Amino acid sequence: MEWLKSFEIRVITDSPTITNLPIISDLSTIKRNPPIRLPNSISSFVAGFKSAVNTKIDDYIDEQNLQIPKYNRNNHFFQPNYHDHIIRNDVEYRTIQNYIANNPMNWEKDKFYNDNG
C-alpha cells in the first residue's frame, strides 16, 4: 500500500521497473562515498518510500506498546549499504537473472571463500 501511495505523493522524472538487487562481485571495490540524491530522482523516491515505511513501523510499535527497538541509523529495517540498481531493458534483466541463478555455483572459487564454515 505504501508503495502505491508513494507514486501519488512523490514525483520522479521517469518510472522504469525498480528492482533492488545487491550484486557485488568484489567487495574490495566498494567505495564509501556519501550518496547523492537529486530531487525528483529514483533514488530520492526510494529513500522517501523507505522513510515512510520505517515511520509506519515505528508508529505501529508505539500503538501496540511493543517492547521492541524502533528502526533508526543503528537498527535498520531495510538492508543498508548496498547498491540499488535500475534494470532498464530485457538484456540487462536476463544478464542479472543469469548471475543470480549461476553465481552460487562459483562460491568456492571466490577469494572470500572459507571452507571452514
N, C-alpha and C. Protein backbone atom coordinates (compact mmCIF):
# COMPACT_ATOMS: atom_id res chain seq x y z
N MET A 1 0.81 -1.19 0.00
CA MET A 1 0.00 0.00 0.00
C MET A 1 0.86 1.26 0.00
N GLU A 2 1.90 1.28 0.84
CA GLU A 2 2.79 2.44 0.90
C GLU A 2 3.50 2.65 -0.44
N TRP A 3 3.83 1.53 -1.11
CA TRP A 3 4.50 1.61 -2.41
C TRP A 3 3.62 2.36 -3.41
N LEU A 4 2.35 2.02 -3.51
CA LEU A 4 1.44 2.68 -4.45
C LEU A 4 1.19 4.13 -4.04
N LYS A 5 1.09 4.37 -2.75
CA LYS A 5 0.91 5.73 -2.26
C LYS A 5 2.10 6.61 -2.62
N SER A 6 3.29 6.02 -2.66
CA SER A 6 4.50 6.77 -2.99
C SER A 6 4.40 7.42 -4.36
N PHE A 7 3.75 6.75 -5.31
CA PHE A 7 3.62 7.31 -6.65
C PHE A 7 2.67 8.51 -6.66
N GLU A 8 1.76 8.57 -5.68
CA GLU A 8 0.84 9.70 -5.60
C GLU A 8 1.51 10.93 -4.99
N ILE A 9 2.40 10.74 -4.04
CA ILE A 9 2.95 11.89 -3.31
C ILE A 9 4.38 12.26 -3.71
N ARG A 10 5.06 11.42 -4.45
CA ARG A 10 6.43 11.71 -4.86
C ARG A 10 6.50 11.76 -6.37
N VAL A 11 7.25 12.71 -6.89
CA VAL A 11 7.38 12.88 -8.34
C VAL A 11 8.76 12.38 -8.76
N ILE A 12 8.79 11.53 -9.79
CA ILE A 12 10.06 11.13 -10.38
C ILE A 12 9.99 11.42 -11.86
N THR A 13 11.15 11.65 -12.45
CA THR A 13 11.18 12.06 -13.85
C THR A 13 10.84 10.94 -14.81
N ASP A 14 11.11 9.71 -14.43
CA ASP A 14 10.69 8.55 -15.23
C ASP A 14 10.34 7.42 -14.28
N SER A 15 9.64 6.41 -14.75
CA SER A 15 9.23 5.34 -13.86
C SER A 15 9.54 3.98 -14.45
N PRO A 16 10.84 3.64 -14.56
CA PRO A 16 11.19 2.29 -15.01
C PRO A 16 10.91 1.29 -13.90
N THR A 17 11.01 0.02 -14.23
CA THR A 17 10.85 -1.03 -13.24
C THR A 17 11.95 -0.89 -12.20
N ILE A 18 11.57 -0.86 -10.94
CA ILE A 18 12.55 -0.71 -9.87
C ILE A 18 12.77 -2.06 -9.22
N THR A 19 14.02 -2.50 -9.22
CA THR A 19 14.37 -3.77 -8.62
C THR A 19 15.62 -3.57 -7.78
N ASN A 20 15.58 -4.00 -6.55
CA ASN A 20 16.74 -3.88 -5.67
C ASN A 20 17.49 -5.19 -5.67
N LEU A 21 18.67 -5.18 -6.23
CA LEU A 21 19.48 -6.39 -6.30
C LEU A 21 20.88 -6.08 -5.77
N PRO A 22 21.26 -6.64 -4.62
CA PRO A 22 22.62 -6.44 -4.16
C PRO A 22 23.57 -7.34 -4.94
N ILE A 23 24.21 -6.79 -5.96
CA ILE A 23 25.10 -7.57 -6.81
C ILE A 23 26.51 -7.04 -6.61
N ILE A 24 27.32 -7.81 -5.91
CA ILE A 24 28.69 -7.41 -5.63
C ILE A 24 29.60 -8.57 -5.98
N SER A 25 30.49 -8.36 -6.91
CA SER A 25 31.39 -9.43 -7.29
C SER A 25 32.73 -9.34 -6.57
N ASP A 26 33.11 -8.14 -6.12
CA ASP A 26 34.39 -7.98 -5.45
C ASP A 26 34.23 -6.92 -4.36
N LEU A 27 34.21 -7.35 -3.11
CA LEU A 27 33.97 -6.44 -2.00
C LEU A 27 35.05 -5.38 -1.86
N SER A 28 36.25 -5.64 -2.37
CA SER A 28 37.33 -4.67 -2.23
C SER A 28 37.12 -3.45 -3.12
N THR A 29 36.19 -3.51 -4.07
CA THR A 29 35.97 -2.37 -4.97
C THR A 29 34.90 -1.42 -4.46
N ILE A 30 34.28 -1.73 -3.32
CA ILE A 30 33.22 -0.86 -2.79
C ILE A 30 33.84 0.44 -2.28
N LYS A 31 33.28 1.55 -2.71
CA LYS A 31 33.74 2.86 -2.26
C LYS A 31 32.71 3.41 -1.30
N ARG A 32 33.15 4.01 -0.23
CA ARG A 32 32.26 4.53 0.81
C ARG A 32 32.04 6.03 0.60
N ASN A 33 31.40 6.40 -0.48
CA ASN A 33 31.07 7.79 -0.74
C ASN A 33 29.65 8.06 -0.25
N PRO A 34 29.43 9.25 0.28
CA PRO A 34 28.05 9.55 0.69
C PRO A 34 27.14 9.60 -0.53
N PRO A 35 25.92 9.11 -0.39
CA PRO A 35 25.02 9.10 -1.53
C PRO A 35 24.61 10.51 -1.93
N ILE A 36 24.44 10.72 -3.20
CA ILE A 36 23.95 11.99 -3.72
C ILE A 36 22.56 11.74 -4.27
N ARG A 37 21.58 12.38 -3.68
CA ARG A 37 20.20 12.20 -4.12
C ARG A 37 19.71 13.47 -4.79
N LEU A 38 19.49 13.39 -6.07
CA LEU A 38 18.95 14.53 -6.79
C LEU A 38 17.44 14.60 -6.60
N PRO A 39 16.89 15.81 -6.53
CA PRO A 39 15.43 15.92 -6.42
C PRO A 39 14.75 15.25 -7.62
N ASN A 40 13.62 14.66 -7.39
CA ASN A 40 12.81 14.01 -8.43
C ASN A 40 13.53 12.85 -9.11
N SER A 41 14.49 12.25 -8.42
CA SER A 41 15.20 11.09 -8.98
C SER A 41 14.64 9.81 -8.39
N ILE A 42 14.97 8.71 -8.98
CA ILE A 42 14.52 7.43 -8.45
C ILE A 42 15.11 7.18 -7.07
N SER A 43 16.37 7.57 -6.86
CA SER A 43 16.97 7.34 -5.54
C SER A 43 16.26 8.15 -4.46
N SER A 44 15.83 9.37 -4.76
CA SER A 44 15.10 10.14 -3.76
C SER A 44 13.71 9.56 -3.55
N PHE A 45 13.11 9.00 -4.60
CA PHE A 45 11.82 8.33 -4.50
C PHE A 45 11.91 7.13 -3.56
N VAL A 46 12.93 6.28 -3.78
CA VAL A 46 13.10 5.08 -2.96
C VAL A 46 13.42 5.47 -1.51
N ALA A 47 14.26 6.50 -1.32
CA ALA A 47 14.58 6.96 0.03
C ALA A 47 13.31 7.43 0.75
N GLY A 48 12.46 8.15 0.05
CA GLY A 48 11.20 8.60 0.64
C GLY A 48 10.30 7.44 1.00
N PHE A 49 10.25 6.44 0.12
CA PHE A 49 9.45 5.24 0.39
C PHE A 49 9.97 4.52 1.64
N LYS A 50 11.28 4.31 1.71
CA LYS A 50 11.86 3.61 2.85
C LYS A 50 11.60 4.38 4.15
N SER A 51 11.71 5.70 4.09
CA SER A 51 11.46 6.52 5.27
C SER A 51 10.01 6.40 5.71
N ALA A 52 9.08 6.42 4.75
CA ALA A 52 7.66 6.30 5.08
C ALA A 52 7.35 4.94 5.72
N VAL A 53 7.95 3.88 5.19
CA VAL A 53 7.73 2.54 5.74
C VAL A 53 8.28 2.46 7.16
N ASN A 54 9.49 2.98 7.38
CA ASN A 54 10.06 2.97 8.73
C ASN A 54 9.17 3.73 9.71
N THR A 55 8.64 4.86 9.28
CA THR A 55 7.76 5.65 10.13
C THR A 55 6.50 4.86 10.48
N LYS A 56 5.91 4.18 9.49
CA LYS A 56 4.71 3.38 9.74
C LYS A 56 5.00 2.25 10.74
N ILE A 57 6.15 1.61 10.60
CA ILE A 57 6.53 0.53 11.51
C ILE A 57 6.71 1.07 12.93
N ASP A 58 7.41 2.21 13.03
CA ASP A 58 7.62 2.81 14.35
C ASP A 58 6.30 3.24 14.98
N ASP A 59 5.38 3.77 14.19
CA ASP A 59 4.06 4.14 14.71
C ASP A 59 3.32 2.90 15.23
N TYR A 60 3.41 1.82 14.49
CA TYR A 60 2.76 0.57 14.90
C TYR A 60 3.36 0.06 16.22
N ILE A 61 4.68 0.15 16.35
CA ILE A 61 5.34 -0.27 17.59
C ILE A 61 4.80 0.55 18.77
N ASP A 62 4.63 1.86 18.55
CA ASP A 62 4.08 2.72 19.61
C ASP A 62 2.62 2.38 19.91
N GLU A 63 1.81 2.26 18.86
CA GLU A 63 0.38 1.99 19.04
C GLU A 63 0.11 0.68 19.77
N GLN A 64 0.94 -0.32 19.51
CA GLN A 64 0.74 -1.63 20.11
C GLN A 64 1.54 -1.80 21.42
N ASN A 65 2.24 -0.75 21.82
CA ASN A 65 3.07 -0.80 23.02
C ASN A 65 4.02 -1.99 23.00
N LEU A 66 4.62 -2.22 21.85
CA LEU A 66 5.54 -3.35 21.72
C LEU A 66 6.88 -3.00 22.35
N GLN A 67 7.45 -3.96 23.02
CA GLN A 67 8.73 -3.77 23.69
C GLN A 67 9.87 -4.24 22.77
N ILE A 68 9.93 -3.63 21.61
CA ILE A 68 11.00 -3.95 20.65
C ILE A 68 11.63 -2.63 20.19
N PRO A 69 12.88 -2.68 19.75
CA PRO A 69 13.53 -1.44 19.34
C PRO A 69 12.91 -0.87 18.07
N LYS A 70 12.93 0.46 17.99
CA LYS A 70 12.48 1.13 16.78
C LYS A 70 13.61 1.11 15.75
N TYR A 71 13.26 1.48 14.52
CA TYR A 71 14.25 1.47 13.44
C TYR A 71 14.86 2.85 13.27
N ASN A 72 16.19 2.86 13.18
CA ASN A 72 16.94 4.11 13.01
C ASN A 72 18.27 3.80 12.35
N ARG A 73 19.22 4.73 12.39
CA ARG A 73 20.52 4.53 11.74
C ARG A 73 21.28 3.31 12.27
N ASN A 74 21.04 2.97 13.54
CA ASN A 74 21.75 1.84 14.14
C ASN A 74 20.95 0.54 14.10
N ASN A 75 19.69 0.62 13.80
CA ASN A 75 18.82 -0.55 13.78
C ASN A 75 18.01 -0.49 12.49
N HIS A 76 18.53 -1.08 11.43
CA HIS A 76 17.95 -0.94 10.09
C HIS A 76 16.84 -1.94 9.83
N PHE A 77 15.78 -1.46 9.18
CA PHE A 77 14.75 -2.35 8.66
C PHE A 77 15.13 -2.79 7.25
N PHE A 78 15.52 -1.83 6.43
CA PHE A 78 16.00 -2.14 5.08
C PHE A 78 17.50 -2.40 5.14
N GLN A 79 17.97 -3.27 4.25
CA GLN A 79 19.40 -3.58 4.22
C GLN A 79 20.19 -2.32 3.90
N PRO A 80 21.14 -1.94 4.76
CA PRO A 80 21.93 -0.73 4.50
C PRO A 80 23.12 -1.03 3.58
N ASN A 81 23.66 0.03 3.04
CA ASN A 81 24.93 -0.03 2.31
C ASN A 81 24.95 -1.02 1.15
N TYR A 82 23.97 -0.94 0.32
CA TYR A 82 24.02 -1.72 -0.91
C TYR A 82 23.53 -0.86 -2.06
N HIS A 83 23.79 -1.31 -3.24
CA HIS A 83 23.52 -0.53 -4.44
C HIS A 83 22.15 -0.88 -5.01
N ASP A 84 21.28 0.12 -5.13
CA ASP A 84 20.00 -0.08 -5.83
C ASP A 84 20.29 0.02 -7.32
N HIS A 85 19.89 -0.97 -8.06
CA HIS A 85 20.16 -0.96 -9.50
C HIS A 85 18.85 -0.97 -10.27
N ILE A 86 18.72 -0.07 -11.19
CA ILE A 86 17.53 0.01 -12.03
C ILE A 86 17.76 -0.83 -13.28
N ILE A 87 16.91 -1.82 -13.47
CA ILE A 87 17.00 -2.66 -14.67
C ILE A 87 16.25 -1.94 -15.78
N ARG A 88 16.96 -1.60 -16.86
CA ARG A 88 16.37 -0.74 -17.88
C ARG A 88 15.94 -1.45 -19.16
N ASN A 89 16.34 -2.71 -19.33
CA ASN A 89 15.91 -3.41 -20.55
C ASN A 89 15.97 -4.92 -20.33
N ASP A 90 15.45 -5.65 -21.30
CA ASP A 90 15.36 -7.10 -21.17
C ASP A 90 16.73 -7.78 -21.15
N VAL A 91 17.68 -7.27 -21.92
CA VAL A 91 19.03 -7.86 -21.95
C VAL A 91 19.67 -7.75 -20.57
N GLU A 92 19.58 -6.59 -19.98
CA GLU A 92 20.14 -6.39 -18.64
C GLU A 92 19.44 -7.28 -17.61
N TYR A 93 18.12 -7.38 -17.73
CA TYR A 93 17.36 -8.24 -16.82
C TYR A 93 17.84 -9.69 -16.92
N ARG A 94 17.99 -10.19 -18.13
CA ARG A 94 18.42 -11.58 -18.32
C ARG A 94 19.85 -11.80 -17.82
N THR A 95 20.72 -10.81 -18.00
CA THR A 95 22.10 -10.91 -17.50
C THR A 95 22.10 -11.04 -15.98
N ILE A 96 21.33 -10.21 -15.31
CA ILE A 96 21.26 -10.25 -13.85
C ILE A 96 20.59 -11.53 -13.37
N GLN A 97 19.54 -11.94 -14.06
CA GLN A 97 18.85 -13.18 -13.71
C GLN A 97 19.81 -14.37 -13.81
N ASN A 98 20.63 -14.40 -14.85
CA ASN A 98 21.61 -15.46 -15.03
C ASN A 98 22.66 -15.42 -13.92
N TYR A 99 23.10 -14.23 -13.55
CA TYR A 99 24.08 -14.07 -12.47
C TYR A 99 23.52 -14.65 -11.16
N ILE A 100 22.28 -14.29 -10.83
CA ILE A 100 21.67 -14.76 -9.59
C ILE A 100 21.53 -16.27 -9.59
N ALA A 101 21.14 -16.83 -10.72
CA ALA A 101 20.94 -18.28 -10.81
C ALA A 101 22.24 -19.05 -10.75
N ASN A 102 23.30 -18.52 -11.35
CA ASN A 102 24.54 -19.29 -11.50
C ASN A 102 25.65 -18.91 -10.53
N ASN A 103 25.59 -17.75 -9.92
CA ASN A 103 26.69 -17.31 -9.07
C ASN A 103 26.95 -18.21 -7.86
N PRO A 104 25.93 -18.78 -7.19
CA PRO A 104 26.23 -19.66 -6.05
C PRO A 104 27.16 -20.83 -6.41
N MET A 105 27.12 -21.28 -7.66
CA MET A 105 27.99 -22.38 -8.06
C MET A 105 29.46 -21.95 -8.11
N ASN A 106 29.71 -20.63 -8.13
CA ASN A 106 31.07 -20.12 -8.19
C ASN A 106 31.64 -19.74 -6.83
N TRP A 107 30.87 -19.97 -5.75
CA TRP A 107 31.28 -19.53 -4.43
C TRP A 107 32.64 -20.10 -4.01
N GLU A 108 32.88 -21.37 -4.29
CA GLU A 108 34.16 -21.99 -3.87
C GLU A 108 35.35 -21.38 -4.59
N LYS A 109 35.13 -20.71 -5.70
CA LYS A 109 36.21 -20.05 -6.45
C LYS A 109 36.44 -18.62 -5.97
N ASP A 110 35.55 -18.09 -5.15
CA ASP A 110 35.64 -16.70 -4.71
C ASP A 110 36.79 -16.51 -3.74
N LYS A 111 37.46 -15.35 -3.80
CA LYS A 111 38.61 -15.11 -2.92
C LYS A 111 38.21 -14.99 -1.45
N PHE A 112 36.93 -14.76 -1.17
CA PHE A 112 36.47 -14.68 0.21
C PHE A 112 35.96 -16.01 0.74
N TYR A 113 35.99 -17.04 -0.08
CA TYR A 113 35.51 -18.36 0.34
C TYR A 113 36.40 -18.93 1.42
N ASN A 114 35.76 -19.50 2.44
CA ASN A 114 36.48 -20.14 3.53
C ASN A 114 35.80 -21.48 3.78
N ASP A 115 36.49 -22.59 3.53
CA ASP A 115 35.86 -23.90 3.65
C ASP A 115 35.72 -24.37 5.10
N ASN A 116 36.07 -23.51 6.06
CA ASN A 116 35.92 -23.86 7.47
C ASN A 116 34.53 -23.50 8.01
N GLY A 117 33.65 -23.07 7.11
CA GLY A 117 32.29 -22.73 7.54
C GLY A 117 32.13 -21.31 7.69
